[in-house]
Amino acid sequence: MGYVLLAGAIAAEVAATTAMKYSEGFSRLWPSLVTVTGYVIAFALLAQTLKTVQIGTAYAIWAGVGTAVIAAIGMVFLGEGLTAAKVAGICLVIGGVVLLNLGGAH
């Protein structure tokens, strides 16, 4: 169940971060409300996740997957370029999460 909650936390964080892009510095009401609500939900679900999943594992997955998904959203929907450095960075983040889990973080 912890990983289901973690997936929800990641989804809420990604939605909040994407909405932040459209809030124009918190000057637009609805995207700003989605941002704040999304982060509250993300942290609440992450807190529940930590009841059953070790903190190092949970945070590594949350941060790594969130970063990779936001980068992909930026490239696919927001017109951000795909560079070798960006691909390498995403691969390193994912590799770090994998290594942390293989190294006994859980």
PDB file of N, CA and C in Angstrom:
ATOM      1  N   MET A   1       0.820  -1.198   0.000  1.00  0.00           N
ATOM      2  CA  MET A   1       0.000   0.000   0.000  1.00  0.00           C
ATOM      3  C   MET A   1       0.867   1.267   0.000  1.00  0.00           C
ATOM      4  N   GLY A   2       2.044   1.187   0.604  1.00  0.00           N
ATOM      5  CA  GLY A   2       2.924   2.344   0.666  1.00  0.00           C
ATOM      6  C   GLY A   2       3.324   2.856  -0.702  1.00  0.00           C
ATOM      7  N   TYR A   3       3.571   1.942  -1.616  1.00  0.00           N
ATOM      8  CA  TYR A   3       3.985   2.358  -2.959  1.00  0.00           C
ATOM      9  C   TYR A   3       2.824   2.951  -3.751  1.00  0.00           C
ATOM     10  N   VAL A   4       1.598   2.535  -3.450  1.00  0.00           N
ATOM     11  CA  VAL A   4       0.417   3.152  -4.079  1.00  0.00           C
ATOM     12  C   VAL A   4       0.292   4.596  -3.597  1.00  0.00           C
ATOM     13  N   LEU A   5       0.473   4.805  -2.304  1.00  0.00           N
ATOM     14  CA  LEU A   5       0.445   6.168  -1.761  1.00  0.00           C
ATOM     15  C   LEU A   5       1.580   7.004  -2.345  1.00  0.00           C
ATOM     16  N   LEU A   6       2.747   6.390  -2.511  1.00  0.00           N
ATOM     17  CA  LEU A   6       3.876   7.096  -3.098  1.00  0.00           C
ATOM     18  C   LEU A   6       3.581   7.510  -4.531  1.00  0.00           C
ATOM     19  N   ALA A   7       2.937   6.643  -5.292  1.00  0.00           N
ATOM     20  CA  ALA A   7       2.551   6.986  -6.668  1.00  0.00           C
ATOM     21  C   ALA A   7       1.589   8.173  -6.669  1.00  0.00           C
ATOM     22  N   GLY A   8       0.665   8.196  -5.728  1.00  0.00           N
ATOM     23  CA  GLY A   8      -0.249   9.335  -5.609  1.00  0.00           C
ATOM     24  C   GLY A   8       0.483  10.613  -5.246  1.00  0.00           C
ATOM     25  N   ALA A   9       1.469  10.496  -4.358  1.00  0.00           N
ATOM     26  CA  ALA A   9       2.267  11.665  -3.972  1.00  0.00           C
ATOM     27  C   ALA A   9       3.037  12.211  -5.164  1.00  0.00           C
ATOM     28  N   ILE A  10       3.581  11.321  -5.969  1.00  0.00           N
ATOM     29  CA  ILE A  10       4.322  11.735  -7.158  1.00  0.00           C
ATOM     30  C   ILE A  10       3.381  12.415  -8.149  1.00  0.00           C
ATOM     31  N   ALA A  11       2.218  11.830  -8.375  1.00  0.00           N
ATOM     32  CA  ALA A  11       1.252  12.416  -9.309  1.00  0.00           C
ATOM     33  C   ALA A  11       0.810  13.805  -8.851  1.00  0.00           C
ATOM     34  N   ALA A  12       0.558  13.955  -7.558  1.00  0.00           N
ATOM     35  CA  ALA A  12       0.139  15.262  -7.029  1.00  0.00           C
ATOM     36  C   ALA A  12       1.253  16.288  -7.155  1.00  0.00           C
ATOM     37  N   GLU A  13       2.479  15.876  -6.906  1.00  0.00           N
ATOM     38  CA  GLU A  13       3.621  16.791  -7.012  1.00  0.00           C
ATOM     39  C   GLU A  13       3.853  17.218  -8.457  1.00  0.00           C
ATOM     40  N   VAL A  14       3.722  16.282  -9.378  1.00  0.00           N
ATOM     41  CA  VAL A  14       3.895  16.602 -10.802  1.00  0.00           C
ATOM     42  C   VAL A  14       2.792  17.557 -11.263  1.00  0.00           C
ATOM     43  N   ALA A  15       1.556  17.301 -10.857  1.00  0.00           N
ATOM     44  CA  ALA A  15       0.447  18.196 -11.220  1.00  0.00           C
ATOM     45  C   ALA A  15       0.676  19.595 -10.639  1.00  0.00           C
ATOM     46  N   ALA A  16       1.125  19.656  -9.397  1.00  0.00           N
ATOM     47  CA  ALA A  16       1.363  20.952  -8.749  1.00  0.00           C
ATOM     48  C   ALA A  16       2.485  21.725  -9.433  1.00  0.00           C
ATOM     49  N   THR A  17       3.544  21.032  -9.772  1.00  0.00           N
ATOM     50  CA  THR A  17       4.672  21.698 -10.427  1.00  0.00           C
ATOM     51  C   THR A  17       4.285  22.184 -11.821  1.00  0.00           C
ATOM     52  N   THR A  18       3.526  21.376 -12.534  1.00  0.00           N
ATOM     53  CA  THR A  18       3.058  21.790 -13.861  1.00  0.00           C
ATOM     54  C   THR A  18       2.136  22.994 -13.752  1.00  0.00           C
ATOM     55  N   ALA A  19       1.228  22.976 -12.782  1.00  0.00           N
ATOM     56  CA  ALA A  19       0.325  24.110 -12.583  1.00  0.00           C
ATOM     57  C   ALA A  19       1.095  25.371 -12.214  1.00  0.00           C
ATOM     58  N   MET A  20       2.206  25.207 -11.478  1.00  0.00           N
ATOM     59  CA  MET A  20       3.009  26.359 -11.091  1.00  0.00           C
ATOM     60  C   MET A  20       3.525  27.103 -12.320  1.00  0.00           C
ATOM     61  N   LYS A  21       3.855  26.360 -13.358  1.00  0.00           N
ATOM     62  CA  LYS A  21       4.312  26.971 -14.607  1.00  0.00           C
ATOM     63  C   LYS A  21       3.240  27.914 -15.161  1.00  0.00           C
ATOM     64  N   TYR A  22       1.989  27.508 -15.037  1.00  0.00           N
ATOM     65  CA  TYR A  22       0.877  28.292 -15.575  1.00  0.00           C
ATOM     66  C   TYR A  22       0.348  29.347 -14.607  1.00  0.00           C
ATOM     67  N   SER A  23       0.847  29.365 -13.380  1.00  0.00           N
ATOM     68  CA  SER A  23       0.366  30.343 -12.393  1.00  0.00           C
ATOM     69  C   SER A  23       0.945  31.734 -12.618  1.00  0.00           C
ATOM     70  N   GLU A  24       1.981  31.807 -13.456  1.00  0.00           N
ATOM     71  CA  GLU A  24       2.653  33.072 -13.755  1.00  0.00           C
ATOM     72  C   GLU A  24       3.037  33.815 -12.465  1.00  0.00           C
ATOM     73  N   GLY A  25       3.844  33.122 -11.674  1.00  0.00           N
ATOM     74  CA  GLY A  25       4.323  33.715 -10.419  1.00  0.00           C
ATOM     75  C   GLY A  25       3.220  33.894  -9.390  1.00  0.00           C
ATOM     76  N   PHE A  26       2.279  32.972  -9.380  1.00  0.00           N
ATOM     77  CA  PHE A  26       1.119  33.002  -8.479  1.00  0.00           C
ATOM     78  C   PHE A  26       0.228  34.220  -8.714  1.00  0.00           C
ATOM     79  N   SER A  27       0.203  34.705  -9.949  1.00  0.00           N
ATOM     80  CA  SER A  27      -0.665  35.837 -10.277  1.00  0.00           C
ATOM     81  C   SER A  27      -1.981  35.384 -10.912  1.00  0.00           C
ATOM     82  N   ARG A  28      -2.100  34.104 -11.251  1.00  0.00           N
ATOM     83  CA  ARG A  28      -3.346  33.559 -11.797  1.00  0.00           C
ATOM     84  C   ARG A  28      -3.956  32.635 -10.761  1.00  0.00           C
ATOM     85  N   LEU A  29      -5.233  32.847 -10.446  1.00  0.00           N
ATOM     86  CA  LEU A  29      -5.885  32.181  -9.321  1.00  0.00           C
ATOM     87  C   LEU A  29      -5.925  30.662  -9.455  1.00  0.00           C
ATOM     88  N   TRP A  30      -6.535  30.135 -10.515  1.00  0.00           N
ATOM     89  CA  TRP A  30      -6.767  28.692 -10.580  1.00  0.00           C
ATOM     90  C   TRP A  30      -5.484  27.868 -10.647  1.00  0.00           C
ATOM     91  N   PRO A  31      -4.529  28.231 -11.493  1.00  0.00           N
ATOM     92  CA  PRO A  31      -3.283  27.457 -11.448  1.00  0.00           C
ATOM     93  C   PRO A  31      -2.580  27.559 -10.092  1.00  0.00           C
ATOM     94  N   SER A  32      -2.706  28.705  -9.430  1.00  0.00           N
ATOM     95  CA  SER A  32      -2.097  28.871  -8.108  1.00  0.00           C
ATOM     96  C   SER A  32      -2.760  27.961  -7.086  1.00  0.00           C
ATOM     97  N   LEU A  33      -4.083  27.861  -7.153  1.00  0.00           N
ATOM     98  CA  LEU A  33      -4.803  26.975  -6.235  1.00  0.00           C
ATOM     99  C   LEU A  33      -4.460  25.508  -6.496  1.00  0.00           C
ATOM    100  N   VAL A  34      -4.328  25.133  -7.756  1.00  0.00           N
ATOM    101  CA  VAL A  34      -3.934  23.757  -8.083  1.00  0.00           C
ATOM    102  C   VAL A  34      -2.533  23.481  -7.545  1.00  0.00           C
ATOM    103  N   THR A  35      -1.644  24.455  -7.659  1.00  0.00           N
ATOM    104  CA  THR A  35      -0.282  24.295  -7.154  1.00  0.00           C
ATOM    105  C   THR A  35      -0.274  24.043  -5.652  1.00  0.00           C
ATOM    106  N   VAL A  36      -0.929  24.901  -4.905  1.00  0.00           N
ATOM    107  CA  VAL A  36      -0.939  24.774  -3.446  1.00  0.00           C
ATOM    108  C   VAL A  36      -1.622  23.480  -3.014  1.00  0.00           C
ATOM    109  N   THR A  37      -2.767  23.194  -3.605  1.00  0.00           N
ATOM    110  CA  THR A  37      -3.502  21.970  -3.257  1.00  0.00           C
ATOM    111  C   THR A  37      -2.685  20.727  -3.600  1.00  0.00           C
ATOM    112  N   GLY A  38      -2.058  20.742  -4.763  1.00  0.00           N
ATOM    113  CA  GLY A  38      -1.252  19.602  -5.187  1.00  0.00           C
ATOM    114  C   GLY A  38      -0.104  19.323  -4.241  1.00  0.00           C
ATOM    115  N   TYR A  39       0.572  20.387  -3.795  1.00  0.00           N
ATOM    116  CA  TYR A  39       1.689  20.171  -2.873  1.00  0.00           C
ATOM    117  C   TYR A  39       1.220  19.706  -1.499  1.00  0.00           C
ATOM    118  N   VAL A  40       0.082  20.200  -1.027  1.00  0.00           N
ATOM    119  CA  VAL A  40      -0.455  19.728   0.253  1.00  0.00           C
ATOM    120  C   VAL A  40      -0.775  18.237   0.160  1.00  0.00           C
ATOM    121  N   ILE A  41      -1.423  17.846  -0.936  1.00  0.00           N
ATOM    122  CA  ILE A  41      -1.748  16.434  -1.128  1.00  0.00           C
ATOM    123  C   ILE A  41      -0.473  15.601  -1.255  1.00  0.00           C
ATOM    124  N   ALA A  42       0.496  16.093  -2.016  1.00  0.00           N
ATOM    125  CA  ALA A  42       1.744  15.353  -2.219  1.00  0.00           C
ATOM    126  C   ALA A  42       2.455  15.087  -0.896  1.00  0.00           C
ATOM    127  N   PHE A  43       2.577  16.099  -0.063  1.00  0.00           N
ATOM    128  CA  PHE A  43       3.277  15.914   1.208  1.00  0.00           C
ATOM    129  C   PHE A  43       2.468  15.065   2.186  1.00  0.00           C
ATOM    130  N   ALA A  44       1.141  15.184   2.147  1.00  0.00           N
ATOM    131  CA  ALA A  44       0.313  14.342   3.016  1.00  0.00           C
ATOM    132  C   ALA A  44       0.457  12.872   2.630  1.00  0.00           C
ATOM    133  N   LEU A  45       0.435  12.589   1.330  1.00  0.00           N
ATOM    134  CA  LEU A  45       0.594  11.206   0.874  1.00  0.00           C
ATOM    135  C   LEU A  45       2.006  10.696   1.133  1.00  0.00           C
ATOM    136  N   LEU A  46       3.003  11.549   0.950  1.00  0.00           N
ATOM    137  CA  LEU A  46       4.369  11.138   1.247  1.00  0.00           C
ATOM    138  C   LEU A  46       4.516  10.810   2.731  1.00  0.00           C
ATOM    139  N   ALA A  47       3.909  11.601   3.584  1.00  0.00           N
ATOM    140  CA  ALA A  47       3.968  11.333   5.024  1.00  0.00           C
ATOM    141  C   ALA A  47       3.338   9.984   5.357  1.00  0.00           C
ATOM    142  N   GLN A  48       2.234   9.658   4.705  1.00  0.00           N
ATOM    143  CA  GLN A  48       1.596   8.355   4.926  1.00  0.00           C
ATOM    144  C   GLN A  48       2.460   7.219   4.395  1.00  0.00           C
ATOM    145  N   THR A  49       3.120   7.470   3.270  1.00  0.00           N
ATOM    146  CA  THR A  49       4.017   6.477   2.681  1.00  0.00           C
ATOM    147  C   THR A  49       5.118   6.091   3.660  1.00  0.00           C
ATOM    148  N   LEU A  50       5.613   7.075   4.403  1.00  0.00           N
ATOM    149  CA  LEU A  50       6.746   6.830   5.303  1.00  0.00           C
ATOM    150  C   LEU A  50       6.395   5.942   6.491  1.00  0.00           C
ATOM    151  N   LYS A  51       5.128   5.618   6.649  1.00  0.00           N
ATOM    152  CA  LYS A  51       4.739   4.666   7.692  1.00  0.00           C
ATOM    153  C   LYS A  51       5.172   3.245   7.331  1.00  0.00           C
ATOM    154  N   THR A  52       5.291   2.968   6.008  1.00  0.00           N
ATOM    155  CA  THR A  52       5.597   1.601   5.588  1.00  0.00           C
ATOM    156  C   THR A  52       6.815   1.478   4.674  1.00  0.00           C
ATOM    157  N   VAL A  53       7.295   2.589   4.144  1.00  0.00           N
ATOM    158  CA  VAL A  53       8.440   2.564   3.236  1.00  0.00           C
ATOM    159  C   VAL A  53       9.560   3.386   3.871  1.00  0.00           C
ATOM    160  N   GLN A  54      10.781   2.887   3.805  1.00  0.00           N
ATOM    161  CA  GLN A  54      11.902   3.614   4.394  1.00  0.00           C
ATOM    162  C   GLN A  54      12.066   4.975   3.733  1.00  0.00           C
ATOM    163  N   ILE A  55      12.485   5.946   4.522  1.00  0.00           N
ATOM    164  CA  ILE A  55      12.547   7.324   4.048  1.00  0.00           C
ATOM    165  C   ILE A  55      13.507   7.506   2.865  1.00  0.00           C
ATOM    166  N   GLY A  56      14.655   6.852   2.903  1.00  0.00           N
ATOM    167  CA  GLY A  56      15.608   6.986   1.804  1.00  0.00           C
ATOM    168  C   GLY A  56      15.038   6.464   0.496  1.00  0.00           C
ATOM    169  N   THR A  57      14.408   5.326   0.560  1.00  0.00           N
ATOM    170  CA  THR A  57      13.794   4.732  -0.625  1.00  0.00           C
ATOM    171  C   THR A  57      12.649   5.589  -1.126  1.00  0.00           C
ATOM    172  N   ALA A  58      11.753   5.973  -0.240  1.00  0.00           N
ATOM    173  CA  ALA A  58      10.577   6.757  -0.639  1.00  0.00           C
ATOM    174  C   ALA A  58      10.982   8.096  -1.250  1.00  0.00           C
ATOM    175  N   TYR A  59      11.892   8.790  -0.602  1.00  0.00           N
ATOM    176  CA  TYR A  59      12.267  10.107  -1.104  1.00  0.00           C
ATOM    177  C   TYR A  59      13.045  10.017  -2.408  1.00  0.00           C
ATOM    178  N   ALA A  60      13.893   9.022  -2.535  1.00  0.00           N
ATOM    179  CA  ALA A  60      14.638   8.848  -3.784  1.00  0.00           C
ATOM    180  C   ALA A  60      13.700   8.577  -4.950  1.00  0.00           C
ATOM    181  N   ILE A  61      12.733   7.701  -4.739  1.00  0.00           N
ATOM    182  CA  ILE A  61      11.766   7.406  -5.797  1.00  0.00           C
ATOM    183  C   ILE A  61      10.918   8.636  -6.093  1.00  0.00           C
ATOM    184  N   TRP A  62      10.437   9.306  -5.049  1.00  0.00           N
ATOM    185  CA  TRP A  62       9.580  10.494  -5.217  1.00  0.00           C
ATOM    186  C   TRP A  62      10.318  11.585  -5.996  1.00  0.00           C
ATOM    187  N   ALA A  63      11.519  11.875  -5.584  1.00  0.00           N
ATOM    188  CA  ALA A  63      12.280  12.942  -6.234  1.00  0.00           C
ATOM    189  C   ALA A  63      12.724  12.535  -7.637  1.00  0.00           C
ATOM    190  N   GLY A  64      13.194  11.309  -7.788  1.00  0.00           N
ATOM    191  CA  GLY A  64      13.700  10.852  -9.083  1.00  0.00           C
ATOM    192  C   GLY A  64      12.614  10.745 -10.134  1.00  0.00           C
ATOM    193  N   VAL A  65      11.530  10.086  -9.793  1.00  0.00           N
ATOM    194  CA  VAL A  65      10.436   9.931 -10.754  1.00  0.00           C
ATOM    195  C   VAL A  65       9.807  11.298 -11.051  1.00  0.00           C
ATOM    196  N   GLY A  66       9.608  12.096 -10.016  1.00  0.00           N
ATOM    197  CA  GLY A  66       9.045  13.432 -10.234  1.00  0.00           C
ATOM    198  C   GLY A  66       9.900  14.275 -11.163  1.00  0.00           C
ATOM    199  N   THR A  67      11.202  14.248 -10.956  1.00  0.00           N
ATOM    200  CA  THR A  67      12.122  15.013 -11.803  1.00  0.00           C
ATOM    201  C   THR A  67      12.066  14.531 -13.248  1.00  0.00           C
ATOM    202  N   ALA A  68      12.094  13.223 -13.445  1.00  0.00           N
ATOM    203  CA  ALA A  68      12.065  12.673 -14.801  1.00  0.00           C
ATOM    204  C   ALA A  68      10.744  12.998 -15.503  1.00  0.00           C
ATOM    205  N   VAL A  69       9.634  12.883 -14.799  1.00  0.00           N
ATOM    206  CA  VAL A  69       8.336  13.161 -15.410  1.00  0.00           C
ATOM    207  C   VAL A  69       8.202  14.647 -15.742  1.00  0.00           C
ATOM    208  N   ILE A  70       8.629  15.517 -14.839  1.00  0.00           N
ATOM    209  CA  ILE A  70       8.553  16.960 -15.114  1.00  0.00           C
ATOM    210  C   ILE A  70       9.437  17.320 -16.308  1.00  0.00           C
ATOM    211  N   ALA A  71      10.607  16.731 -16.404  1.00  0.00           N
ATOM    212  CA  ALA A  71      11.480  16.990 -17.558  1.00  0.00           C
ATOM    213  C   ALA A  71      10.805  16.541 -18.846  1.00  0.00           C
ATOM    214  N   ALA A  72      10.155  15.386 -18.813  1.00  0.00           N
ATOM    215  CA  ALA A  72       9.459  14.881 -19.993  1.00  0.00           C
ATOM    216  C   ALA A  72       8.280  15.785 -20.367  1.00  0.00           C
ATOM    217  N   ILE A  73       7.529  16.231 -19.376  1.00  0.00           N
ATOM    218  CA  ILE A  73       6.414  17.152 -19.633  1.00  0.00           C
ATOM    219  C   ILE A  73       6.939  18.440 -20.269  1.00  0.00           C
ATOM    220  N   GLY A  74       8.038  18.945 -19.744  1.00  0.00           N
ATOM    221  CA  GLY A  74       8.631  20.155 -20.307  1.00  0.00           C
ATOM    222  C   GLY A  74       9.007  19.985 -21.764  1.00  0.00           C
ATOM    223  N   MET A  75       9.563  18.840 -22.090  1.00  0.00           N
ATOM    224  CA  MET A  75       9.990  18.599 -23.466  1.00  0.00           C
ATOM    225  C   MET A  75       8.808  18.352 -24.400  1.00  0.00           C
ATOM    226  N   VAL A  76       7.837  17.561 -23.945  1.00  0.00           N
ATOM    227  CA  VAL A  76       6.727  17.173 -24.824  1.00  0.00           C
ATOM    228  C   VAL A  76       5.671  18.259 -24.948  1.00  0.00           C
ATOM    229  N   PHE A  77       5.315  18.902 -23.833  1.00  0.00           N
ATOM    230  CA  PHE A  77       4.182  19.828 -23.847  1.00  0.00           C
ATOM    231  C   PHE A  77       4.556  21.308 -23.757  1.00  0.00           C
ATOM    232  N   LEU A  78       5.743  21.612 -23.268  1.00  0.00           N
ATOM    233  CA  LEU A  78       6.094  23.015 -23.040  1.00  0.00           C
ATOM    234  C   LEU A  78       7.193  23.514 -23.960  1.00  0.00           C
ATOM    235  N   GLY A  79       7.565  22.717 -24.933  1.00  0.00           N
ATOM    236  CA  GLY A  79       8.512  23.154 -25.942  1.00  0.00           C
ATOM    237  C   GLY A  79       9.956  23.259 -25.490  1.00  0.00           C
ATOM    238  N   GLU A  80      10.304  22.614 -24.393  1.00  0.00           N
ATOM    239  CA  GLU A  80      11.698  22.629 -23.953  1.00  0.00           C
ATOM    240  C   GLU A  80      12.504  21.665 -24.821  1.00  0.00           C
ATOM    241  N   GLY A  81      13.718  22.033 -25.120  1.00  0.00           N
ATOM    242  CA  GLY A  81      14.551  21.225 -25.995  1.00  0.00           C
ATOM    243  C   GLY A  81      15.063  19.963 -25.336  1.00  0.00           C
ATOM    244  N   LEU A  82      15.354  18.982 -26.179  1.00  0.00           N
ATOM    245  CA  LEU A  82      15.961  17.735 -25.729  1.00  0.00           C
ATOM    246  C   LEU A  82      17.441  17.807 -26.059  1.00  0.00           C
ATOM    247  N   THR A  83      18.254  17.835 -25.016  1.00  0.00           N
ATOM    248  CA  THR A  83      19.702  17.906 -25.209  1.00  0.00           C
ATOM    249  C   THR A  83      20.351  16.665 -24.629  1.00  0.00           C
ATOM    250  N   ALA A  84      21.569  16.421 -25.054  1.00  0.00           N
ATOM    251  CA  ALA A  84      22.313  15.279 -24.518  1.00  0.00           C
ATOM    252  C   ALA A  84      22.508  15.428 -23.011  1.00  0.00           C
ATOM    253  N   ALA A  85      22.757  16.642 -22.552  1.00  0.00           N
ATOM    254  CA  ALA A  85      22.950  16.875 -21.118  1.00  0.00           C
ATOM    255  C   ALA A  85      21.669  16.571 -20.340  1.00  0.00           C
ATOM    256  N   LYS A  86      20.524  16.945 -20.899  1.00  0.00           N
ATOM    257  CA  LYS A  86      19.252  16.679 -20.216  1.00  0.00           C
ATOM    258  C   LYS A  86      18.998  15.174 -20.135  1.00  0.00           C
ATOM    259  N   VAL A  87      19.225  14.466 -21.218  1.00  0.00           N
ATOM    260  CA  VAL A  87      19.040  13.009 -21.231  1.00  0.00           C
ATOM    261  C   VAL A  87      19.997  12.359 -20.236  1.00  0.00           C
ATOM    262  N   ALA A  88      21.249  12.793 -20.230  1.00  0.00           N
ATOM    263  CA  ALA A  88      22.231  12.238 -19.297  1.00  0.00           C
ATOM    264  C   ALA A  88      21.819  12.505 -17.851  1.00  0.00           C
ATOM    265  N   GLY A  89      21.326  13.694 -17.581  1.00  0.00           N
ATOM    266  CA  GLY A  89      20.888  14.032 -16.227  1.00  0.00           C
ATOM    267  C   GLY A  89      19.739  13.166 -15.765  1.00  0.00           C
ATOM    268  N   ILE A  90      18.755  12.955 -16.623  1.00  0.00           N
ATOM    269  CA  ILE A  90      17.626  12.095 -16.273  1.00  0.00           C
ATOM    270  C   ILE A  90      18.099  10.666 -16.035  1.00  0.00           C
ATOM    271  N   CYS A  91      18.994  10.190 -16.892  1.00  0.00           N
ATOM    272  CA  CYS A  91      19.536   8.837 -16.707  1.00  0.00           C
ATOM    273  C   CYS A  91      20.295   8.711 -15.387  1.00  0.00           C
ATOM    274  N   LEU A  92      21.049   9.736 -15.029  1.00  0.00           N
ATOM    275  CA  LEU A  92      21.779   9.704 -13.759  1.00  0.00           C
ATOM    276  C   LEU A  92      20.829   9.708 -12.563  1.00  0.00           C
ATOM    277  N   VAL A  93      19.753  10.480 -12.638  1.00  0.00           N
ATOM    278  CA  VAL A  93      18.772  10.496 -11.544  1.00  0.00           C
ATOM    279  C   VAL A  93      18.149   9.114 -11.393  1.00  0.00           C
ATOM    280  N   ILE A  94      17.705   8.536 -12.502  1.00  0.00           N
ATOM    281  CA  ILE A  94      17.100   7.208 -12.445  1.00  0.00           C
ATOM    282  C   ILE A  94      18.114   6.172 -11.964  1.00  0.00           C
ATOM    283  N   GLY A  95      19.344   6.265 -12.464  1.00  0.00           N
ATOM    284  CA  GLY A  95      20.388   5.358 -12.011  1.00  0.00           C
ATOM    285  C   GLY A  95      20.660   5.485 -10.516  1.00  0.00           C
ATOM    286  N   GLY A  96      20.623   6.697 -10.006  1.00  0.00           N
ATOM    287  CA  GLY A  96      20.818   6.925  -8.586  1.00  0.00           C
ATOM    288  C   GLY A  96      19.735   6.282  -7.744  1.00  0.00           C
ATOM    289  N   VAL A  97      18.499   6.378  -8.201  1.00  0.00           N
ATOM    290  CA  VAL A  97      17.376   5.740  -7.491  1.00  0.00           C
ATOM    291  C   VAL A  97      17.562   4.225  -7.490  1.00  0.00           C
ATOM    292  N   VAL A  98      17.923   3.670  -8.636  1.00  0.00           N
ATOM    293  CA  VAL A  98      18.137   2.227  -8.728  1.00  0.00           C
ATOM    294  C   VAL A  98      19.266   1.788  -7.799  1.00  0.00           C
ATOM    295  N   LEU A  99      20.387   2.503  -7.836  1.00  0.00           N
ATOM    296  CA  LEU A  99      21.528   2.147  -6.983  1.00  0.00           C
ATOM    297  C   LEU A  99      21.190   2.255  -5.504  1.00  0.00           C
ATOM    298  N   LEU A 100      20.448   3.273  -5.137  1.00  0.00           N
ATOM    299  CA  LEU A 100      20.047   3.430  -3.742  1.00  0.00           C
ATOM    300  C   LEU A 100      19.222   2.226  -3.291  1.00  0.00           C
ATOM    301  N   ASN A 101      18.308   1.798  -4.148  1.00  0.00           N
ATOM    302  CA  ASN A 101      17.469   0.638  -3.803  1.00  0.00           C
ATOM    303  C   ASN A 101      18.258  -0.654  -3.797  1.00  0.00           C
ATOM    304  N   LEU A 102      19.170  -0.827  -4.721  1.00  0.00           N
ATOM    305  CA  LEU A 102      20.002  -2.027  -4.740  1.00  0.00           C
ATOM    306  C   LEU A 102      20.998  -2.050  -3.586  1.00  0.00           C
ATOM    307  N   GLY A 103      21.365  -0.870  -3.091  1.00  0.00           N
ATOM    308  CA  GLY A 103      22.345  -0.761  -2.029  1.00  0.00           C
ATOM    309  C   GLY A 103      21.789  -1.000  -0.637  1.00  0.00           C
ATOM    310  N   GLY A 104      20.554  -1.406  -0.549  1.00  0.00           N
ATOM    311  CA  GLY A 104      20.007  -1.760   0.751  1.00  0.00           C
ATOM    312  C   GLY A 104      19.236  -0.663   1.450  1.00  0.00           C
ATOM    313  N   ALA A 105      18.699   0.285   0.688  1.00  0.00           N
ATOM    314  CA  ALA A 105      17.923   1.346   1.323  1.00  0.00           C
ATOM    315  C   ALA A 105      16.553   0.875   1.769  1.00  0.00           C
ATOM    316  N   HIS A 106      16.184  -0.329   1.398  1.00  0.00           N
ATOM    317  CA  HIS A 106      14.862  -0.841   1.800  1.00  0.00           C
ATOM    318  C   HIS A 106      14.956  -2.151   2.523  1.00  0.00           C
TER     319      HIS A 106
END
